[in-house]
Amino acid sequence: MSFKLLNDDIIKSCAWCLYGKKSEYTNDIFCKKRGITTKDYYCRKYKYDPLKRTPDKKIISDKYYGDDFSL
Protein backbone atom coordinates (compact mmCIF):
# COMPACT_ATOMS: atom_id res chain seq x y z
CA MET A 1 0.00 0.00 0.00
CA SER A 2 1.36 3.43 -0.86
CA PHE A 3 0.24 7.03 -0.77
CA LYS A 4 1.26 10.21 -2.55
CA LEU A 5 3.40 12.84 -0.86
CA LEU A 6 5.24 15.50 -2.82
CA ASN A 7 4.75 13.60 -6.12
CA ASP A 8 6.57 10.47 -4.90
CA ASP A 9 5.08 7.07 -4.17
CA ILE A 10 6.04 6.24 -0.60
CA ILE A 11 5.49 2.72 0.66
CA LYS A 12 4.34 2.53 4.27
CA SER A 13 7.06 1.14 6.50
CA CYS A 14 7.87 1.03 10.21
CA ALA A 15 11.24 2.54 9.29
CA TRP A 16 9.50 5.86 8.51
CA CYS A 17 6.92 5.76 11.30
CA LEU A 18 6.78 8.30 14.10
CA TYR A 19 6.77 5.51 16.70
CA GLY A 20 9.60 3.40 15.23
CA LYS A 21 13.34 3.55 15.86
CA LYS A 22 15.88 1.62 13.80
CA SER A 23 18.16 -0.83 15.59
CA GLU A 24 21.88 -0.08 15.34
CA TYR A 25 22.84 -3.75 14.95
CA THR A 26 20.09 -5.38 12.86
CA ASN A 27 17.45 -4.36 10.32
CA ASP A 28 14.73 -4.53 12.98
CA ILE A 29 12.63 -1.57 14.13
CA PHE A 30 11.79 -0.89 17.78
CA CYS A 31 8.18 0.29 17.85
CA LYS A 32 6.64 2.04 20.86
CA LYS A 33 3.25 0.51 20.01
CA ARG A 34 4.08 -3.01 18.71
CA GLY A 35 7.53 -3.95 20.04
CA ILE A 36 10.18 -5.31 17.68
CA THR A 37 9.09 -5.40 14.02
CA THR A 38 10.67 -5.60 10.60
CA LYS A 39 11.14 -2.53 8.42
CA ASP A 40 8.57 -3.82 5.90
CA TYR A 41 5.79 -4.08 8.48
CA TYR A 42 3.34 -1.34 9.49
CA CYS A 43 0.25 -1.30 11.72
CA ARG A 44 -2.85 0.84 11.99
CA LYS A 45 -1.05 3.22 14.40
CA TYR A 46 1.31 4.16 11.53
CA LYS A 47 2.08 7.88 11.30
CA TYR A 48 4.49 9.05 8.64
CA ASP A 49 7.50 11.05 9.86
CA PRO A 50 9.12 12.80 6.86
CA LEU A 51 12.34 13.51 8.78
CA LYS A 52 13.16 9.78 9.03
CA ARG A 53 13.03 9.18 5.29
CA THR A 54 16.04 9.67 3.05
CA PRO A 55 15.07 10.18 -0.60
CA ASP A 56 16.31 7.78 -3.26
CA LYS A 57 19.34 9.01 -5.17
CA LYS A 58 18.61 10.10 -8.70
CA ILE A 59 20.84 8.55 -11.34
CA ILE A 60 22.10 11.10 -13.82
CA SER A 61 23.12 9.81 -17.21
CA ASP A 62 26.72 10.35 -18.27
CA LYS A 63 25.80 10.42 -21.96
CA TYR A 64 25.98 14.21 -22.29
CA TYR A 65 28.11 16.09 -24.77
CA GLY A 66 29.37 19.69 -24.87
CA ASP A 67 26.70 20.57 -27.43
CA ASP A 68 23.97 19.74 -24.90
CA PHE A 69 25.04 22.70 -22.74
CA SER A 70 25.50 25.35 -25.43
CA LEU A 71 22.89 27.79 -26.66
PDB file of N, CA and C in Angstrom:
ATOM      1  N   MET A   1       0.848  -1.167   0.000  1.00  0.00           N
ATOM      2  CA  MET A   1       0.000   0.000   0.000  1.00  0.00           C
ATOM      3  C   MET A   1       0.893   1.230   0.000  1.00  0.00           C
ATOM      4  N   SER A   2       0.562   2.206  -0.785  1.00  0.00           N
ATOM      5  CA  SER A   2       1.357   3.426  -0.861  1.00  0.00           C
ATOM      6  C   SER A   2       0.429   4.629  -0.908  1.00  0.00           C
ATOM      7  N   PHE A   3       1.003   5.797  -0.678  1.00  0.00           N
ATOM      8  CA  PHE A   3       0.245   7.028  -0.766  1.00  0.00           C
ATOM      9  C   PHE A   3       1.128   8.096  -1.386  1.00  0.00           C
ATOM     10  N   LYS A   4       0.516   9.160  -1.864  1.00  0.00           N
ATOM     11  CA  LYS A   4       1.258  10.209  -2.547  1.00  0.00           C
ATOM     12  C   LYS A   4       1.652  11.299  -1.556  1.00  0.00           C
ATOM     13  N   LEU A   5       2.923  11.711  -1.631  1.00  0.00           N
ATOM     14  CA  LEU A   5       3.401  12.840  -0.857  1.00  0.00           C
ATOM     15  C   LEU A   5       4.485  13.509  -1.671  1.00  0.00           C
ATOM     16  N   LEU A   6       4.281  14.741  -2.036  1.00  0.00           N
ATOM     17  CA  LEU A   6       5.241  15.502  -2.824  1.00  0.00           C
ATOM     18  C   LEU A   6       5.599  14.784  -4.126  1.00  0.00           C
ATOM     19  N   ASN A   7       4.605  14.254  -4.811  1.00  0.00           N
ATOM     20  CA  ASN A   7       4.746  13.601  -6.116  1.00  0.00           C
ATOM     21  C   ASN A   7       5.596  12.347  -6.099  1.00  0.00           C
ATOM     22  N   ASP A   8       5.831  11.729  -4.981  1.00  0.00           N
ATOM     23  CA  ASP A   8       6.567  10.468  -4.897  1.00  0.00           C
ATOM     24  C   ASP A   8       5.657   9.399  -4.299  1.00  0.00           C
ATOM     25  N   ASP A   9       5.794   8.185  -4.784  1.00  0.00           N
ATOM     26  CA  ASP A   9       5.078   7.075  -4.171  1.00  0.00           C
ATOM     27  C   ASP A   9       5.905   6.589  -2.992  1.00  0.00           C
ATOM     28  N   ILE A  10       5.345   6.661  -1.808  1.00  0.00           N
ATOM     29  CA  ILE A  10       6.045   6.240  -0.600  1.00  0.00           C
ATOM     30  C   ILE A  10       5.327   5.020  -0.054  1.00  0.00           C
ATOM     31  N   ILE A  11       6.052   3.945   0.119  1.00  0.00           N
ATOM     32  CA  ILE A  11       5.494   2.719   0.659  1.00  0.00           C
ATOM     33  C   ILE A  11       5.515   2.811   2.178  1.00  0.00           C
ATOM     34  N   LYS A  12       4.403   2.485   2.813  1.00  0.00           N
ATOM     35  CA  LYS A  12       4.338   2.525   4.270  1.00  0.00           C
ATOM     36  C   LYS A  12       5.327   1.535   4.860  1.00  0.00           C
ATOM     37  N   SER A  13       6.034   1.963   5.888  1.00  0.00           N
ATOM     38  CA  SER A  13       7.058   1.141   6.501  1.00  0.00           C
ATOM     39  C   SER A  13       7.280   1.609   7.929  1.00  0.00           C
ATOM     40  N   CYS A  14       7.551   0.670   8.836  1.00  0.00           N
ATOM     41  CA  CYS A  14       7.872   1.035  10.215  1.00  0.00           C
ATOM     42  C   CYS A  14       9.147   1.866  10.292  1.00  0.00           C
ATOM     43  N   ALA A  15       9.999   1.771   9.287  1.00  0.00           N
ATOM     44  CA  ALA A  15      11.241   2.535   9.289  1.00  0.00           C
ATOM     45  C   ALA A  15      10.969   4.035   9.210  1.00  0.00           C
ATOM     46  N   TRP A  16       9.829   4.450   8.644  1.00  0.00           N
ATOM     47  CA  TRP A  16       9.496   5.859   8.511  1.00  0.00           C
ATOM     48  C   TRP A  16       8.351   6.286   9.416  1.00  0.00           C
ATOM     49  N   CYS A  17       8.029   5.467  10.390  1.00  0.00           N
ATOM     50  CA  CYS A  17       6.920   5.762  11.299  1.00  0.00           C
ATOM     51  C   CYS A  17       7.394   6.632  12.463  1.00  0.00           C
ATOM     52  N   LEU A  18       6.503   7.436  12.960  1.00  0.00           N
ATOM     53  CA  LEU A  18       6.779   8.301  14.100  1.00  0.00           C
ATOM     54  C   LEU A  18       7.147   7.500  15.340  1.00  0.00           C
ATOM     55  N   TYR A  19       6.572   6.313  15.496  1.00  0.00           N
ATOM     56  CA  TYR A  19       6.767   5.507  16.699  1.00  0.00           C
ATOM     57  C   TYR A  19       7.932   4.521  16.591  1.00  0.00           C
ATOM     58  N   GLY A  20       8.545   4.390  15.427  1.00  0.00           N
ATOM     59  CA  GLY A  20       9.602   3.403  15.234  1.00  0.00           C
ATOM     60  C   GLY A  20      10.990   4.001  15.358  1.00  0.00           C
ATOM     61  N   LYS A  21      11.929   3.161  15.792  1.00  0.00           N
ATOM     62  CA  LYS A  21      13.337   3.550  15.863  1.00  0.00           C
ATOM     63  C   LYS A  21      14.168   2.383  15.355  1.00  0.00           C
ATOM     64  N   LYS A  22      15.077   2.673  14.421  1.00  0.00           N
ATOM     65  CA  LYS A  22      15.883   1.624  13.804  1.00  0.00           C
ATOM     66  C   LYS A  22      16.929   1.114  14.773  1.00  0.00           C
ATOM     67  N   SER A  23      17.120  -0.204  14.781  1.00  0.00           N
ATOM     68  CA  SER A  23      18.155  -0.834  15.588  1.00  0.00           C
ATOM     69  C   SER A  23      19.521  -0.543  14.979  1.00  0.00           C
ATOM     70  N   GLU A  24      20.529  -0.351  15.823  1.00  0.00           N
ATOM     71  CA  GLU A  24      21.880  -0.084  15.337  1.00  0.00           C
ATOM     72  C   GLU A  24      22.555  -1.339  14.808  1.00  0.00           C
ATOM     73  N   TYR A  25      22.131  -2.510  15.253  1.00  0.00           N
ATOM     74  CA  TYR A  25      22.839  -3.747  14.950  1.00  0.00           C
ATOM     75  C   TYR A  25      22.142  -4.646  13.927  1.00  0.00           C
ATOM     76  N   THR A  26      20.835  -4.544  13.808  1.00  0.00           N
ATOM     77  CA  THR A  26      20.090  -5.378  12.863  1.00  0.00           C
ATOM     78  C   THR A  26      19.179  -4.491  12.022  1.00  0.00           C
ATOM     79  N   ASN A  27      18.403  -5.100  11.138  1.00  0.00           N
ATOM     80  CA  ASN A  27      17.448  -4.358  10.315  1.00  0.00           C
ATOM     81  C   ASN A  27      16.083  -4.243  10.986  1.00  0.00           C
ATOM     82  N   ASP A  28      15.993  -4.592  12.263  1.00  0.00           N
ATOM     83  CA  ASP A  28      14.728  -4.531  12.982  1.00  0.00           C
ATOM     84  C   ASP A  28      14.410  -3.097  13.405  1.00  0.00           C
ATOM     85  N   ILE A  29      13.119  -2.869  13.671  1.00  0.00           N
ATOM     86  CA  ILE A  29      12.632  -1.574  14.127  1.00  0.00           C
ATOM     87  C   ILE A  29      12.031  -1.762  15.512  1.00  0.00           C
ATOM     88  N   PHE A  30      12.375  -0.873  16.443  1.00  0.00           N
ATOM     89  CA  PHE A  30      11.791  -0.889  17.777  1.00  0.00           C
ATOM     90  C   PHE A  30      10.612   0.067  17.778  1.00  0.00           C
ATOM     91  N   CYS A  31       9.424  -0.495  17.902  1.00  0.00           N
ATOM     92  CA  CYS A  31       8.184   0.290  17.852  1.00  0.00           C
ATOM     93  C   CYS A  31       7.651   0.507  19.260  1.00  0.00           C
ATOM     94  N   LYS A  32       7.217   1.734  19.556  1.00  0.00           N
ATOM     95  CA  LYS A  32       6.638   2.043  20.862  1.00  0.00           C
ATOM     96  C   LYS A  32       5.273   1.385  21.047  1.00  0.00           C
ATOM     97  N   LYS A  33       4.599   1.082  19.948  1.00  0.00           N
ATOM     98  CA  LYS A  33       3.252   0.508  20.009  1.00  0.00           C
ATOM     99  C   LYS A  33       3.237  -1.013  19.865  1.00  0.00           C
ATOM    100  N   ARG A  34       4.139  -1.591  19.035  1.00  0.00           N
ATOM    101  CA  ARG A  34       4.085  -3.012  18.712  1.00  0.00           C
ATOM    102  C   ARG A  34       5.283  -3.826  19.171  1.00  0.00           C
ATOM    103  N   GLY A  35       6.335  -3.202  19.647  1.00  0.00           N
ATOM    104  CA  GLY A  35       7.528  -3.946  20.037  1.00  0.00           C
ATOM    105  C   GLY A  35       8.508  -4.027  18.875  1.00  0.00           C
ATOM    106  N   ILE A  36       9.204  -5.135  18.740  1.00  0.00           N
ATOM    107  CA  ILE A  36      10.182  -5.310  17.678  1.00  0.00           C
ATOM    108  C   ILE A  36       9.474  -5.779  16.403  1.00  0.00           C
ATOM    109  N   THR A  37       9.691  -5.060  15.312  1.00  0.00           N
ATOM    110  CA  THR A  37       9.088  -5.400  14.024  1.00  0.00           C
ATOM    111  C   THR A  37      10.158  -5.339  12.936  1.00  0.00           C
ATOM    112  N   THR A  38       9.774  -5.741  11.743  1.00  0.00           N
ATOM    113  CA  THR A  38      10.668  -5.600  10.596  1.00  0.00           C
ATOM    114  C   THR A  38      10.404  -4.258   9.930  1.00  0.00           C
ATOM    115  N   LYS A  39      11.327  -3.830   9.066  1.00  0.00           N
ATOM    116  CA  LYS A  39      11.142  -2.531   8.424  1.00  0.00           C
ATOM    117  C   LYS A  39      10.036  -2.546   7.382  1.00  0.00           C
ATOM    118  N   ASP A  40       9.630  -3.721   6.897  1.00  0.00           N
ATOM    119  CA  ASP A  40       8.567  -3.823   5.897  1.00  0.00           C
ATOM    120  C   ASP A  40       7.172  -3.811   6.512  1.00  0.00           C
ATOM    121  N   TYR A  41       7.072  -3.998   7.795  1.00  0.00           N
ATOM    122  CA  TYR A  41       5.786  -4.080   8.484  1.00  0.00           C
ATOM    123  C   TYR A  41       5.276  -2.678   8.812  1.00  0.00           C
ATOM    124  N   TYR A  42       3.951  -2.532   8.916  1.00  0.00           N
ATOM    125  CA  TYR A  42       3.336  -1.335   9.485  1.00  0.00           C
ATOM    126  C   TYR A  42       1.976  -1.722  10.051  1.00  0.00           C
ATOM    127  N   CYS A  43       1.529  -0.994  11.070  1.00  0.00           N
ATOM    128  CA  CYS A  43       0.253  -1.302  11.717  1.00  0.00           C
ATOM    129  C   CYS A  43      -0.715  -0.131  11.548  1.00  0.00           C
ATOM    130  N   ARG A  44      -1.858  -0.220  12.152  1.00  0.00           N
ATOM    131  CA  ARG A  44      -2.849   0.842  11.992  1.00  0.00           C
ATOM    132  C   ARG A  44      -2.506   2.103  12.782  1.00  0.00           C
ATOM    133  N   LYS A  45      -1.525   2.038  13.667  1.00  0.00           N
ATOM    134  CA  LYS A  45      -1.049   3.216  14.396  1.00  0.00           C
ATOM    135  C   LYS A  45       0.000   3.992  13.602  1.00  0.00           C
ATOM    136  N   TYR A  46       0.271   3.573  12.373  1.00  0.00           N
ATOM    137  CA  TYR A  46       1.305   4.165  11.533  1.00  0.00           C
ATOM    138  C   TYR A  46       1.064   5.653  11.315  1.00  0.00           C
ATOM    139  N   LYS A  47       2.095   6.447  11.590  1.00  0.00           N
ATOM    140  CA  LYS A  47       2.075   7.881  11.302  1.00  0.00           C
ATOM    141  C   LYS A  47       3.392   8.219  10.626  1.00  0.00           C
ATOM    142  N   TYR A  48       3.306   8.755   9.437  1.00  0.00           N
ATOM    143  CA  TYR A  48       4.492   9.052   8.636  1.00  0.00           C
ATOM    144  C   TYR A  48       5.283  10.202   9.251  1.00  0.00           C
ATOM    145  N   ASP A  49       6.588  10.011   9.382  1.00  0.00           N
ATOM    146  CA  ASP A  49       7.501  11.046   9.861  1.00  0.00           C
ATOM    147  C   ASP A  49       8.468  11.374   8.724  1.00  0.00           C
ATOM    148  N   PRO A  50       8.290  12.499   8.028  1.00  0.00           N
ATOM    149  CA  PRO A  50       9.119  12.799   6.862  1.00  0.00           C
ATOM    150  C   PRO A  50      10.595  13.005   7.189  1.00  0.00           C
ATOM    151  N   LEU A  51      10.939  13.300   8.426  1.00  0.00           N
ATOM    152  CA  LEU A  51      12.337  13.511   8.779  1.00  0.00           C
ATOM    153  C   LEU A  51      13.131  12.212   8.873  1.00  0.00           C
ATOM    154  N   LYS A  52      12.463  11.070   8.956  1.00  0.00           N
ATOM    155  CA  LYS A  52      13.157   9.784   9.032  1.00  0.00           C
ATOM    156  C   LYS A  52      13.472   9.207   7.657  1.00  0.00           C
ATOM    157  N   ARG A  53      12.861   9.730   6.635  1.00  0.00           N
ATOM    158  CA  ARG A  53      13.032   9.176   5.291  1.00  0.00           C
ATOM    159  C   ARG A  53      14.162   9.888   4.563  1.00  0.00           C
ATOM    160  N   THR A  54      15.024   9.111   3.926  1.00  0.00           N
ATOM    161  CA  THR A  54      16.040   9.669   3.048  1.00  0.00           C
ATOM    162  C   THR A  54      15.615   9.377   1.614  1.00  0.00           C
ATOM    163  N   PRO A  55      15.521  10.388   0.776  1.00  0.00           N
ATOM    164  CA  PRO A  55      15.067  10.175  -0.599  1.00  0.00           C
ATOM    165  C   PRO A  55      16.027   9.293  -1.385  1.00  0.00           C
ATOM    166  N   ASP A  56      15.489   8.591  -2.367  1.00  0.00           N
ATOM    167  CA  ASP A  56      16.312   7.781  -3.256  1.00  0.00           C
ATOM    168  C   ASP A  56      17.215   8.696  -4.072  1.00  0.00           C
ATOM    169  N   LYS A  57      18.408   8.227  -4.354  1.00  0.00           N
ATOM    170  CA  LYS A  57      19.340   9.006  -5.166  1.00  0.00           C
ATOM    171  C   LYS A  57      18.931   8.915  -6.629  1.00  0.00           C
ATOM    172  N   LYS A  58      18.930  10.048  -7.286  1.00  0.00           N
ATOM    173  CA  LYS A  58      18.606  10.102  -8.699  1.00  0.00           C
ATOM    174  C   LYS A  58      19.864   9.779  -9.507  1.00  0.00           C
ATOM    175  N   ILE A  59      19.718   8.923 -10.485  1.00  0.00           N
ATOM    176  CA  ILE A  59      20.839   8.552 -11.339  1.00  0.00           C
ATOM    177  C   ILE A  59      20.853   9.494 -12.538  1.00  0.00           C
ATOM    178  N   ILE A  60      21.960  10.174 -12.711  1.00  0.00           N
ATOM    179  CA  ILE A  60      22.105  11.103 -13.822  1.00  0.00           C
ATOM    180  C   ILE A  60      22.929  10.416 -14.904  1.00  0.00           C
ATOM    181  N   SER A  61      22.436  10.461 -16.094  1.00  0.00           N
ATOM    182  CA  SER A  61      23.117   9.810 -17.207  1.00  0.00           C
ATOM    183  C   SER A  61      24.433  10.518 -17.509  1.00  0.00           C
ATOM    184  N   ASP A  62      25.431   9.765 -17.910  1.00  0.00           N
ATOM    185  CA  ASP A  62      26.721  10.350 -18.266  1.00  0.00           C
ATOM    186  C   ASP A  62      26.881  10.434 -19.781  1.00  0.00           C
ATOM    187  N   LYS A  63      25.767  10.384 -20.493  1.00  0.00           N
ATOM    188  CA  LYS A  63      25.803  10.419 -21.957  1.00  0.00           C
ATOM    189  C   LYS A  63      25.552  11.824 -22.498  1.00  0.00           C
ATOM    190  N   TYR A  64      26.129  12.833 -21.845  1.00  0.00           N
ATOM    191  CA  TYR A  64      25.980  14.210 -22.295  1.00  0.00           C
ATOM    192  C   TYR A  64      27.219  14.633 -23.061  1.00  0.00           C
ATOM    193  N   TYR A  65      27.021  15.552 -23.969  1.00  0.00           N
ATOM    194  CA  TYR A  65      28.109  16.092 -24.775  1.00  0.00           C
ATOM    195  C   TYR A  65      28.174  17.605 -24.564  1.00  0.00           C
ATOM    196  N   GLY A  66      29.228  18.233 -24.997  1.00  0.00           N
ATOM    197  CA  GLY A  66      29.373  19.688 -24.872  1.00  0.00           C
ATOM    198  C   GLY A  66      28.281  20.453 -25.586  1.00  0.00           C
ATOM    199  N   ASP A  67      27.762  19.899 -26.686  1.00  0.00           N
ATOM    200  CA  ASP A  67      26.696  20.572 -27.427  1.00  0.00           C
ATOM    201  C   ASP A  67      25.389  20.634 -26.649  1.00  0.00           C
ATOM    202  N   ASP A  68      25.199  19.742 -25.715  1.00  0.00           N
ATOM    203  CA  ASP A  68      23.966  19.736 -24.904  1.00  0.00           C
ATOM    204  C   ASP A  68      23.884  20.956 -23.998  1.00  0.00           C
ATOM    205  N   PHE A  69      25.014  21.588 -23.692  1.00  0.00           N
ATOM    206  CA  PHE A  69      25.042  22.701 -22.745  1.00  0.00           C
ATOM    207  C   PHE A  69      25.297  24.037 -23.419  1.00  0.00           C
ATOM    208  N   SER A  70      25.297  24.091 -24.727  1.00  0.00           N
ATOM    209  CA  SER A  70      25.499  25.354 -25.431  1.00  0.00           C
ATOM    210  C   SER A  70      24.172  25.857 -25.979  1.00  0.00           C
ATOM    211  N   LEU A  71      24.109  27.180 -26.157  1.00  0.00           N
ATOM    212  CA  LEU A  71      22.892  27.794 -26.663  1.00  0.00           C
ATOM    213  C   LEU A  71      22.973  28.065 -28.122  1.00  0.00           C
TER     214      LEU A  71
END
